[in-house]
Protein backbone atom coordinates (compact mmCIF):
# COMPACT_ATOMS: atom_id res chain seq x y z
CA MET A 1 -1.01 -10.47 24.72
CA LYS A 2 -3.67 -7.73 24.93
CA ASN A 3 -2.84 -6.53 21.44
CA THR A 4 -3.13 -10.07 20.07
CA LEU A 5 -6.57 -10.44 21.67
CA ARG A 6 -7.67 -7.10 20.22
CA TYR A 7 -6.66 -8.11 16.69
CA CYS A 8 -8.48 -11.44 17.17
CA LEU A 9 -11.60 -9.52 18.18
CA LEU A 10 -11.23 -7.45 15.03
CA LEU A 11 -11.18 -10.61 12.89
CA LEU A 12 -14.11 -12.20 14.74
CA ALA A 13 -16.20 -9.07 14.22
CA LEU A 14 -15.72 -9.05 10.44
CA PRO A 15 -18.52 -11.57 9.69
CA LEU A 16 -20.95 -9.42 11.69
CA ILE A 17 -19.92 -6.23 9.93
CA SER A 18 -20.09 -7.90 6.51
CA GLN A 19 -23.84 -8.56 6.94
CA PRO A 20 -24.94 -5.05 5.87
CA LEU A 21 -22.21 -4.98 3.23
CA MET A 22 -22.91 -8.24 1.44
CA ALA A 23 -26.36 -9.48 2.51
CA GLU A 24 -29.15 -9.80 0.00
CA LYS A 25 -31.99 -7.31 0.21
CA MET A 26 -34.34 -9.59 2.12
CA ASP A 27 -37.10 -7.03 2.70
CA SER A 28 -37.10 -5.43 -0.74
CA VAL A 29 -37.47 -6.39 -4.35
CA ALA A 30 -34.16 -6.94 -6.15
CA VAL A 31 -33.32 -4.41 -8.84
CA ASP A 32 -31.77 -5.16 -12.20
CA SER A 33 -29.09 -2.50 -12.20
CA VAL A 34 -27.00 -0.46 -9.82
CA ASP A 35 -28.29 3.07 -9.17
CA SER A 36 -25.74 5.77 -10.11
CA HIS A 37 -27.40 7.98 -7.48
CA PHE A 38 -25.11 6.42 -4.85
CA LEU A 39 -22.06 8.08 -6.43
CA SER A 40 -23.71 11.50 -6.74
CA PRO A 41 -22.72 14.61 -4.73
CA ALA A 42 -26.28 14.75 -3.35
CA PHE A 43 -26.13 11.27 -1.85
CA GLN A 44 -22.56 11.76 -0.64
CA LEU A 45 -23.54 14.91 1.29
CA LYS A 46 -26.56 13.19 2.81
CA TRP A 47 -24.51 10.13 3.74
CA LEU A 48 -21.86 12.21 5.50
CA GLU A 49 -23.97 14.89 7.16
CA ILE A 50 -27.56 13.79 7.81
CA SER A 51 -26.60 12.17 11.12
CA ALA A 52 -23.66 11.04 13.25
CA LEU A 53 -25.76 8.87 15.60
CA PRO A 54 -26.99 5.24 15.53
CA LEU A 55 -30.25 6.04 13.67
CA HIS A 56 -28.19 7.05 10.61
CA PRO A 57 -29.21 4.02 8.45
CA TYR A 58 -32.90 4.68 9.16
CA TRP A 59 -32.65 8.34 8.17
CA VAL A 60 -30.78 7.42 4.97
CA GLN A 61 -33.15 4.49 4.34
CA GLU A 62 -31.52 3.37 1.09
CA GLU A 63 -29.88 -0.01 0.55
CA PHE A 64 -26.48 -0.17 -1.08
CA GLY A 65 -22.90 -1.40 -0.70
CA ARG A 66 -19.77 0.51 -1.62
CA SER A 67 -16.08 -0.48 -1.57
CA GLN A 68 -13.09 1.66 -2.44
CA LEU A 69 -9.36 1.48 -2.93
CA ALA A 70 -7.57 4.84 -2.74
CA VAL A 71 -3.95 5.90 -3.01
CA THR A 72 -2.89 9.31 -1.69
CA GLN A 73 0.22 11.43 -1.65
CA GLN A 74 1.01 14.90 -0.33
CA ASN A 75 4.13 17.00 -0.04
CA GLY A 76 5.22 20.59 0.29
CA ASP A 77 6.49 23.19 2.77
CA PHE A 78 3.19 24.78 3.82
CA ILE A 79 2.98 22.79 7.06
CA THR A 80 3.80 23.13 10.74
CA ALA A 81 7.11 21.87 12.14
CA GLN A 82 5.30 18.75 13.42
CA GLN A 83 3.80 17.59 10.12
CA ALA A 84 5.36 15.27 7.56
CA GLU A 85 7.26 16.90 4.72
CA GLN A 86 5.99 14.07 2.51
CA GLU A 87 3.24 11.55 3.15
CA SER A 88 1.77 8.71 1.12
CA GLY A 89 -0.82 6.10 1.92
CA ILE A 90 -3.27 3.45 0.78
CA HIS A 91 -6.85 3.23 2.00
CA VAL A 92 -9.24 0.30 1.61
CA PHE A 93 -12.77 0.44 2.93
CA SER A 94 -16.18 -1.09 2.46
CA GLU A 95 -19.49 0.18 3.82
CA GLY A 96 -23.18 -0.14 3.20
CA ILE A 97 -26.77 -0.45 4.41
CA ARG A 98 -29.16 -3.39 4.21
CA LYS A 99 -32.64 -4.03 5.59
CA VAL A 100 -32.61 -7.51 7.09
CA ASN A 101 -35.56 -9.10 8.96
CA GLY A 102 -36.95 -5.74 9.98
CA PHE A 103 -33.59 -4.28 11.03
CA TRP A 104 -31.83 -1.44 9.24
CA LEU A 105 -28.17 -2.44 9.38
CA GLU A 106 -25.18 -0.30 8.49
CA GLY A 107 -21.59 -1.50 8.72
CA GLY A 108 -18.14 -0.67 7.54
CA PHE A 109 -14.54 -1.80 7.60
CA SER A 110 -11.56 0.44 6.92
CA TYR A 111 -7.81 -0.09 6.72
CA ARG A 112 -5.24 2.63 6.08
CA LYS A 113 -1.48 2.34 5.66
CA VAL A 114 0.38 5.64 5.90
CA PHE A 115 4.07 6.46 5.42
CA SER A 116 5.07 9.83 6.89
CA ASP A 117 8.55 11.13 6.14
CA SER A 118 10.58 13.79 7.97
CA VAL A 119 8.33 14.47 10.96
CA GLY A 120 9.94 16.65 13.61
CA TRP A 121 9.10 17.41 17.22
CA ASN A 122 6.52 14.65 17.50
CA LEU A 123 6.97 11.20 19.03
CA SER A 124 3.26 10.63 19.60
CA ARG A 125 0.36 9.01 17.76
CA GLU A 126 -1.74 12.00 16.73
CA LEU A 127 -1.53 15.62 17.79
CA SER A 128 -4.72 17.13 19.22
CA SER A 129 -5.71 19.75 21.76
CA ASN A 130 -4.25 17.47 24.46
CA PRO A 131 -1.08 19.15 25.82
CA TYR A 132 0.74 15.95 26.85
CA TYR A 133 3.02 14.26 24.34
CA LEU A 134 6.68 13.50 23.50
CA GLY A 135 8.92 15.19 20.96
CA ASN A 136 12.50 15.63 19.84
CA ILE A 137 14.41 17.74 17.34
CA LYS A 138 15.58 14.97 14.99
CA LYS A 139 13.12 14.37 12.16
CA GLY A 140 11.96 10.82 11.62
CA ASN A 141 10.04 8.54 9.28
CA TRP A 142 6.85 6.80 10.40
CA ASP A 143 4.95 3.68 9.39
CA LYS A 144 1.30 3.80 10.53
CA ASP A 145 -1.56 1.27 10.45
CA TYR A 146 -5.22 2.14 11.08
CA PHE A 147 -8.00 -0.46 11.45
CA ASP A 148 -11.64 0.52 11.98
CA LEU A 149 -14.84 -1.51 12.27
CA TYR A 150 -18.27 -0.09 12.95
CA LEU A 151 -21.86 -1.30 13.05
CA LYS A 152 -25.16 0.52 13.45
CA ALA A 153 -28.44 -1.35 13.89
CA VAL A 154 -31.92 0.19 14.00
CA ARG A 155 -35.12 -1.64 14.94
CA PRO A 156 -38.49 0.06 14.37
CA ILE A 157 -40.92 -0.95 17.16
CA ALA A 158 -44.73 -0.82 17.43
CA ASN A 159 -45.37 0.00 13.79
CA GLU A 160 -42.50 2.51 13.79
CA LYS A 161 -43.84 4.40 16.79
CA LEU A 162 -40.45 3.88 18.42
CA LEU A 163 -36.99 3.62 16.85
CA LEU A 164 -34.18 1.92 18.76
CA GLY A 165 -30.63 2.27 17.45
CA ILE A 166 -27.29 0.90 18.66
CA GLY A 167 -23.88 1.87 17.33
CA ILE A 168 -20.46 0.31 18.00
CA ASP A 169 -17.08 1.50 16.71
CA TYR A 170 -13.84 -0.42 17.29
CA GLN A 171 -10.42 0.91 16.26
CA LEU A 172 -6.86 -0.37 16.41
CA GLN A 173 -3.75 1.56 15.45
CA GLN A 174 -0.02 0.96 15.44
CA HIS A 175 2.53 3.70 14.80
CA ALA A 176 6.25 3.03 14.48
CA ARG A 177 9.18 5.35 13.84
CA TYR A 178 12.14 3.52 12.33
CA ASN A 179 15.06 5.86 12.88
CA ASP A 180 16.49 7.16 16.16
CA THR A 181 14.76 8.16 18.33
CA ARG A 182 12.69 5.00 17.61
CA ILE A 183 9.26 4.55 19.12
CA LEU A 184 6.45 1.99 18.89
CA ILE A 185 2.89 3.03 19.82
CA ASN A 186 -0.15 0.76 20.16
CA TYR A 187 -3.62 2.25 20.45
CA TYR A 188 -7.14 0.88 20.72
CA ASP A 189 -10.53 2.56 21.02
CA LEU A 190 -14.01 1.19 21.68
CA SER A 191 -17.10 3.35 21.66
CA TRP A 192 -20.81 2.62 21.68
CA ASP A 193 -24.00 4.67 21.53
CA VAL A 194 -27.70 3.99 22.10
CA GLN A 195 -30.42 6.15 20.58
CA LEU A 196 -34.17 6.02 21.15
CA ALA A 197 -36.64 8.09 19.12
CA TYR A 198 -40.40 8.54 19.55
CA ARG A 199 -42.82 9.49 16.77
CA ILE A 200 -44.76 12.63 17.73
CA GLY A 201 -46.57 13.11 14.43
CA GLN A 202 -46.61 11.97 10.85
CA GLY A 203 -42.97 11.66 9.82
CA GLN A 204 -41.76 13.48 12.97
CA TYR A 205 -39.48 12.03 15.64
CA ILE A 206 -37.79 13.30 18.79
CA GLY A 207 -35.06 11.24 20.43
CA LEU A 208 -32.36 10.93 23.05
CA THR A 209 -28.92 9.36 22.84
CA ALA A 210 -26.18 8.30 25.26
CA GLY A 211 -22.74 6.83 24.69
CA LEU A 212 -19.39 5.85 26.14
CA GLN A 213 -15.90 5.81 24.67
CA ASN A 214 -12.76 4.23 26.12
CA SER A 215 -9.28 4.02 24.68
CA ASP A 216 -5.70 3.51 25.72
CA GLU A 217 -2.37 4.33 24.13
CA LYS A 218 1.00 2.82 25.04
CA GLY A 219 4.34 3.95 23.71
CA GLY A 220 7.97 3.12 24.33
CA TYR A 221 11.09 4.52 22.74
CA ARG A 222 14.65 3.24 22.31
CA TYR A 223 17.87 3.91 20.38
CA TYR A 224 19.56 1.71 17.80
CA ASP A 225 22.80 3.69 18.13
CA ASP A 226 23.81 3.91 21.78
CA ASN A 227 25.67 7.15 21.12
CA ASN A 228 22.36 8.87 20.39
CA GLU A 229 21.08 8.07 23.89
CA SER A 230 23.59 10.43 25.46
CA PHE A 231 22.20 13.75 26.67
CA GLY A 232 25.03 15.32 24.70
CA ALA A 233 23.34 14.24 21.45
CA GLU A 234 21.05 17.25 21.38
CA GLU A 235 18.93 16.29 18.34
CA TYR A 236 17.95 12.96 19.91
CA ILE A 237 17.00 14.18 23.38
CA VAL A 238 13.35 13.38 24.15
CA TYR A 239 11.19 16.15 25.61
CA ASN A 240 8.07 15.86 27.74
CA LEU A 241 5.78 18.57 26.34
CA TYR A 242 3.10 19.93 28.66
CA GLY A 243 1.35 22.68 26.72
CA LEU A 244 2.65 25.51 24.57
CA GLY A 245 6.07 26.21 26.07
CA SER A 246 6.31 24.03 29.18
CA PHE A 247 8.57 20.98 29.01
CA ASP A 248 11.19 18.91 30.75
CA LEU A 249 13.51 16.11 29.64
CA VAL A 250 12.32 12.50 29.66
CA ARG A 251 13.58 10.23 32.38
CA ARG A 252 11.38 7.24 31.52
CA SER A 253 11.21 5.35 28.23
CA ARG A 254 7.55 4.25 28.38
CA TYR A 255 4.32 6.22 28.61
CA TYR A 256 0.66 5.31 28.98
CA GLN A 257 -2.34 7.47 28.12
CA ASP A 258 -5.98 6.50 28.59
CA PHE A 259 -9.15 8.25 27.54
CA HIS A 260 -12.71 8.02 28.88
CA SER A 261 -15.68 9.92 27.49
CA LYS A 262 -19.40 10.17 28.20
CA ARG A 263 -21.82 11.80 25.78
CA PHE A 264 -25.50 12.68 25.77
CA GLY A 265 -27.68 14.18 23.12
CA ALA A 266 -31.09 14.88 21.63
CA ASN A 267 -32.42 14.97 18.11
CA TYR A 268 -35.42 16.04 16.07
CA GLY A 269 -36.27 14.73 12.62
CA ILE A 270 -39.10 15.33 10.17
CA GLN A 271 -39.86 14.03 6.69
CA LYS A 272 -42.90 15.59 5.05
CA ASN A 273 -43.85 16.15 1.43
CA HIS A 274 -40.58 17.05 -0.33
CA TRP A 275 -38.79 18.14 2.86
CA ARG A 276 -36.43 16.25 5.13
CA ILE A 277 -34.90 17.89 8.22
CA ASN A 278 -32.74 16.40 10.95
CA ASP A 279 -31.13 18.21 13.87
CA GLU A 280 -28.80 16.65 16.45
CA PHE A 281 -27.23 18.14 19.56
CA THR A 282 -24.53 16.26 21.49
CA TYR A 283 -22.63 17.10 24.67
CA SER A 284 -19.54 15.12 25.61
CA SER A 285 -17.20 15.21 28.59
CA SER A 286 -13.88 13.38 28.49
CA ILE A 287 -10.82 12.93 30.65
CA SER A 288 -7.39 11.67 29.63
CA SER A 289 -4.63 10.63 32.04
CA TYR A 290 -0.95 10.73 31.08
CA GLU A 291 1.52 8.50 32.93
CA PHE A 292 5.09 7.28 32.79
CA ARG A 293 5.72 3.67 33.78
CA TYR A 294 8.92 1.87 34.66
CA THR A 295 10.08 -1.20 36.56
CA SER A 296 12.08 -0.99 39.78
CA GLY A 297 12.90 -4.01 41.91
CA GLY A 298 10.44 -6.14 39.99
CA GLU A 299 7.59 -3.69 40.60
CA ILE A 300 5.86 -1.45 38.10
CA ILE A 301 6.12 2.17 39.20
CA ILE A 302 3.51 4.61 37.86
CA GLU A 303 4.29 8.32 37.69
CA ASN A 304 1.11 10.31 37.00
CA ILE A 305 2.06 13.45 35.08
CA GLY A 306 -1.36 15.01 34.62
CA ASP A 307 -4.96 14.85 33.45
CA TYR A 308 -6.66 16.67 30.60
CA LYS A 309 -10.40 17.36 30.61
CA LEU A 310 -12.30 18.36 27.48
CA GLU A 311 -15.94 19.40 27.13
CA ALA A 312 -17.43 19.53 23.65
CA TYR A 313 -20.76 20.73 22.26
CA HIS A 314 -21.78 19.67 18.76
CA ASN A 315 -24.87 20.59 16.77
CA ARG A 316 -25.62 19.15 13.33
CA PHE A 317 -28.48 20.52 11.22
CA TYR A 318 -29.36 18.94 7.88
CA ALA A 319 -32.17 19.93 5.51
CA GLU A 320 -33.05 18.84 1.99
CA ARG A 321 -35.84 19.63 -0.44
CA SER A 322 -36.63 17.79 -3.67
CA GLN A 323 -38.07 19.98 -6.40
CA SER A 324 -38.82 18.46 -9.81
CA ASN A 325 -35.35 17.56 -11.12
CA TRP A 326 -33.41 19.57 -8.53
CA MET A 327 -32.22 18.74 -5.02
CA HIS A 328 -31.51 21.51 -2.49
CA GLN A 329 -29.40 20.60 0.55
CA MET A 330 -28.16 22.66 3.48
CA VAL A 331 -25.92 21.68 6.38
CA LEU A 332 -25.04 23.77 9.44
CA LEU A 333 -22.36 22.38 11.76
CA THR A 334 -21.44 23.99 15.10
CA LYS A 335 -18.69 22.87 17.46
CA VAL A 336 -17.54 24.37 20.77
CA GLU A 337 -14.65 22.86 22.77
CA LYS A 338 -13.22 23.82 26.15
CA GLY A 339 -10.22 22.02 27.63
CA LYS A 340 -7.98 22.37 30.66
CA ASP A 341 -5.46 20.20 32.45
CA PHE A 342 -4.31 19.47 35.98
CA ASN A 343 -0.54 19.14 35.93
CA ASN A 344 0.85 17.22 38.89
CA ILE A 345 4.34 18.62 38.30
CA PHE A 346 3.09 22.21 38.49
CA LEU A 347 0.51 21.27 41.16
CA GLY A 348 -2.45 22.82 39.39
CA ALA A 349 -4.14 23.87 36.19
CA ASN A 350 -1.62 25.04 33.61
CA TYR A 351 -3.01 24.63 30.06
CA PHE A 352 -6.28 26.06 28.73
CA TYR A 353 -7.80 25.43 25.29
CA ASN A 354 -10.87 27.00 23.67
CA ALA A 355 -12.16 26.45 20.13
CA PHE A 356 -15.25 27.39 18.17
CA ARG A 357 -16.10 26.36 14.62
CA GLN A 358 -19.18 26.83 12.46
CA ASP A 359 -19.64 25.60 8.90
CA LEU A 360 -22.47 26.29 6.47
CA ILE A 361 -22.84 24.14 3.33
CA TYR A 362 -25.35 24.63 0.54
CA GLN A 363 -25.59 22.29 -2.45
CA LEU A 364 -27.81 22.37 -5.53
CA SER A 365 -27.79 19.32 -7.80
CA THR A 366 -29.80 17.73 -10.57
CA ASN A 367 -31.35 14.28 -10.67
CA PRO A 368 -29.91 12.29 -12.39
CA SER A 369 -26.63 13.68 -11.14
CA ARG A 370 -25.02 15.49 -14.06
CA LEU A 371 -24.71 18.99 -12.58
CA SER A 372 -24.10 20.25 -9.05
CA PHE A 373 -22.98 23.43 -7.31
CA THR A 374 -21.63 23.54 -3.75
CA GLY A 375 -20.81 26.50 -1.54
CA LYS A 376 -19.13 26.37 1.87
CA LEU A 377 -18.57 29.08 4.47
CA GLY A 378 -16.77 28.50 7.76
CA VAL A 379 -15.57 30.45 10.80
CA GLU A 380 -12.92 29.15 13.22
CA GLN A 381 -11.62 30.54 16.52
CA VAL A 382 -8.79 28.92 18.51
CA SER A 383 -7.01 30.02 21.69
CA LYS A 384 -4.35 28.30 23.82
CA GLN A 385 -2.70 29.35 27.08
CA ASP A 386 0.22 27.89 29.02
CA HIS A 387 0.44 29.68 32.39
CA ASN A 388 3.69 28.12 33.60
CA ALA A 389 5.60 29.15 30.46
CA SER A 390 3.75 32.48 30.02
CA HIS A 391 2.76 31.51 26.47
CA ALA A 392 -0.59 32.31 24.83
CA TYR A 393 -1.97 32.72 21.35
CA ASP A 394 -5.27 32.97 19.49
CA TYR A 395 -6.52 33.40 15.95
CA THR A 396 -9.80 33.74 14.05
CA ASN A 397 -10.22 32.65 10.43
CA ILE A 398 -12.97 32.69 7.84
CA GLU A 399 -13.04 30.05 5.09
CA MET A 400 -14.89 30.01 1.77
CA CYS A 401 -15.15 27.42 -0.97
CA LEU A 402 -17.07 27.09 -4.25
CA MET A 403 -17.26 23.85 -6.25
CA ALA A 404 -19.05 22.72 -9.39
CA GLU A 405 -19.42 19.30 -11.01
CA LYS A 406 -20.56 18.56 -14.56
CA GLY A 407 -21.21 15.14 -16.04
CA TRP A 408 -21.45 13.89 -19.64
CA ASP A 409 -22.88 10.62 -20.97
CA LYS A 410 -20.97 9.04 -23.85
CA ALA A 411 -21.90 5.56 -25.03
CA ASP A 412 -22.11 3.45 -21.85
CA TRP A 413 -19.74 5.67 -19.88
CA VAL A 414 -20.25 8.73 -17.68
CA TYR A 415 -17.53 11.39 -17.53
CA LYS A 416 -17.50 13.93 -14.68
CA LEU A 417 -15.36 16.97 -13.99
CA ASN A 418 -15.29 18.65 -10.58
CA VAL A 419 -13.51 21.98 -10.07
CA GLY A 420 -13.33 24.19 -7.00
CA LEU A 421 -11.58 27.05 -5.30
CA GLY A 422 -11.18 27.59 -1.56
CA TYR A 423 -9.77 30.52 0.38
CA ARG A 424 -8.93 31.04 4.05
CA HIS A 425 -8.51 34.56 5.42
CA ASN A 426 -7.31 35.48 8.89
CA LEU A 427 -9.48 38.01 10.70
CA ASN A 428 -7.47 38.36 13.89
CA ALA A 429 -4.34 36.81 15.43
CA ASN A 430 -2.36 37.48 18.61
CA ILE A 431 0.58 35.81 20.29
CA ASP A 432 2.05 36.64 23.69
CA VAL A 433 5.29 35.01 24.83
CA ASN A 434 7.20 36.46 27.76
CA ALA A 435 10.73 37.02 26.44
CA GLN A 436 12.12 35.72 29.73
CA TYR A 437 10.48 32.33 29.10
CA GLU A 438 11.12 31.98 25.38
CA ASN A 439 12.80 28.62 24.73
CA ILE A 440 13.54 26.04 22.04
CA VAL A 441 9.95 24.76 22.17
CA SER A 442 8.63 28.29 21.59
CA GLN A 443 10.90 28.73 18.57
CA SER A 444 10.47 25.22 17.11
CA ILE A 445 6.79 24.41 17.79
CA VAL A 446 4.70 27.31 19.11
CA TYR A 447 5.69 30.04 16.64
CA PRO A 448 5.37 27.86 13.48
CA GLU A 449 2.03 26.47 14.73
CA TRP A 450 0.60 29.96 15.25
CA ILE A 451 2.00 31.22 11.92
CA TYR A 452 0.39 28.30 10.08
CA GLY A 453 -2.93 28.60 11.94
CA SER A 454 -3.21 32.32 11.15
CA ALA A 455 -1.99 32.24 7.51
CA ASP A 456 -4.10 33.15 4.49
CA TYR A 457 -4.10 30.58 1.68
CA LEU A 458 -5.78 29.64 -1.59
CA MET A 459 -6.85 26.08 -2.36
CA PRO A 460 -7.67 25.32 -6.03
CA MET A 461 -8.82 21.76 -6.74
CA VAL A 462 -9.83 19.57 -9.65
CA LYS A 463 -11.12 16.00 -9.90
CA MET A 464 -11.89 13.75 -12.89
CA LYS A 465 -14.26 10.78 -12.64
CA LEU A 466 -15.10 7.96 -15.04
CA GLU A 467 -18.12 5.76 -14.32
CA LYS A 468 -19.51 2.54 -15.79
CA TYR A 469 -22.74 0.82 -14.69
CA LEU A 470 -23.36 -2.87 -15.24
CA LYS A 471 -26.29 -5.03 -14.24
CA LYS A 472 -25.22 -5.65 -10.64
CA VAL A 473 -22.10 -3.54 -10.23
CA GLY A 474 -21.16 0.11 -10.69
CA LEU A 475 -17.56 1.18 -11.22
CA GLN A 476 -15.92 4.56 -10.74
CA GLY A 477 -12.33 5.59 -11.28
CA SER A 478 -11.15 9.00 -10.11
CA ILE A 479 -8.08 11.18 -9.95
CA GLY A 480 -7.99 14.34 -7.88
CA TYR A 481 -5.53 17.14 -7.23
CA LYS A 482 -5.65 20.06 -4.83
CA THR A 483 -3.03 22.41 -3.51
CA SER A 484 -2.84 24.86 -0.60
CA ILE A 485 -0.92 27.99 -1.62
CA ALA A 486 0.16 30.38 1.11
CA ALA A 487 -1.04 33.90 0.28
CA GLN A 488 -0.10 35.85 3.39
CA VAL A 489 2.13 34.46 6.14
CA ARG A 490 3.26 36.25 9.28
CA SER A 491 6.98 36.32 10.00
CA MET A 492 8.75 36.04 13.35
CA GLU A 493 12.50 36.39 13.62
CA ALA A 494 12.66 34.01 16.56
CA SER A 495 10.81 31.21 14.73
CA LEU A 496 13.13 28.43 13.57
CA TYR A 497 10.67 27.41 10.84
CA THR A 498 8.21 29.42 8.76
CA PRO A 499 5.36 27.62 6.95
CA ASP A 500 5.25 28.98 3.41
CA GLY A 501 5.02 27.96 -0.23
CA ARG A 502 2.44 25.29 -1.03
CA ARG A 503 1.18 21.83 -0.13
CA ASP A 504 0.12 19.46 -2.94
CA HIS A 505 -2.37 16.60 -2.56
CA ILE A 506 -2.98 13.84 -5.14
CA ASN A 507 -5.67 11.16 -4.82
CA LEU A 508 -6.35 8.12 -7.03
CA GLY A 509 -9.40 5.98 -6.34
CA ILE A 510 -11.40 3.00 -7.59
CA THR A 511 -14.94 2.63 -6.22
CA ILE A 512 -17.27 -0.36 -6.66
CA LEU A 513 -21.01 -0.23 -6.00
CA HIS A 514 -22.52 -3.58 -5.07
């Protein structure tokens, strides 16, 4: 019944979300043609990176609507043991910004259908830093549905002395595996944020933000073939996984996992002459509880396995400068995460997670968009420890990527070619597993995960685009291909799987500007 109500809420919210997507530009003069700027690399980078908070539509301050249909496929052996050998999907989304009766409104709707084939050691929705999930040896095929609705509304107050923004994001997901061991997972997530900014000078604002996020995930597994339910059927046995190498065998067929997060932040923004700068800092603290539930004597019995706490620090810096026919853009992203659990089975903290990532992006592009150059540099550090199983590993990587896009006008069409090359190089990697505690989880999950995370690889990519602009509509068709090619991979004799070879990605898309 709860799931039915949640899908009804999704449908009821669509008219509200469609307002910024389809509404007429009530506070601006209508234009005679669609601006190709909205499909440019410069606008795309600004749209994605200028802000992640509710004031986003005010900082962008451009009215447009965009809808897309995309088809994706990927396959190859350069994966962990818990990723799909082959995956295909379809993605439909619509998003946009409109200024309506003094409000800057941004909204979007997204639906994704994903088919994942031959996934091993994972009977959960999505893998993350959270140590609690289910797995089994037998590989399975998944059918996944993702729904997402979001709305951001900004109201300038007192002649734009104050800016008040509210953001809401509502997600529903359903994941089903259709061969033994079969599992059905339902997930929902609701988050909201409030942001208030005060003008301290011409074009300068400082602000504060606060938000909450709540979600729950319910899963239950079963067997079509009763013979597979026997503990003698080794491939079908379900494991409770508690970290890197800690596990036991499942005694209950249903699990429940909830998630609660609080976040706070501050921001500074300035727009002056040809400069625009925006900086956002956000701190979040979350806790997730993992439980097994079963019925005994007509009563629901709850067995609390453990809690996982995660603290995260995010900083987003965006700067742009317009200079004659050129646009300079720079983005600096910093993320620090620290997680630990309290395991009720082990009566204490067992799993510890630490991660650091920093990315620098610089982009130079022309206006109109017929030439652009993009450079990316990233550093990533990850460490995990499982005290009960005496397992620990860490690695540090550096990533580089260069991309260029060139466009040509021919008759009423625009042709664009985008090429790029990325490279990841491992700077340091260590793994420590006490031989006395090495087990099937070490050999099947931990070793392949560490090998993949510390591997060097090349990533060449190419994308072709074809654009056509009419009086009220802009059209873009695209086809893209990229591949990850393992360059240097560590080997471990005890590992039952070694990520190697390559991973190919193909993307076909049709985009409509409206």
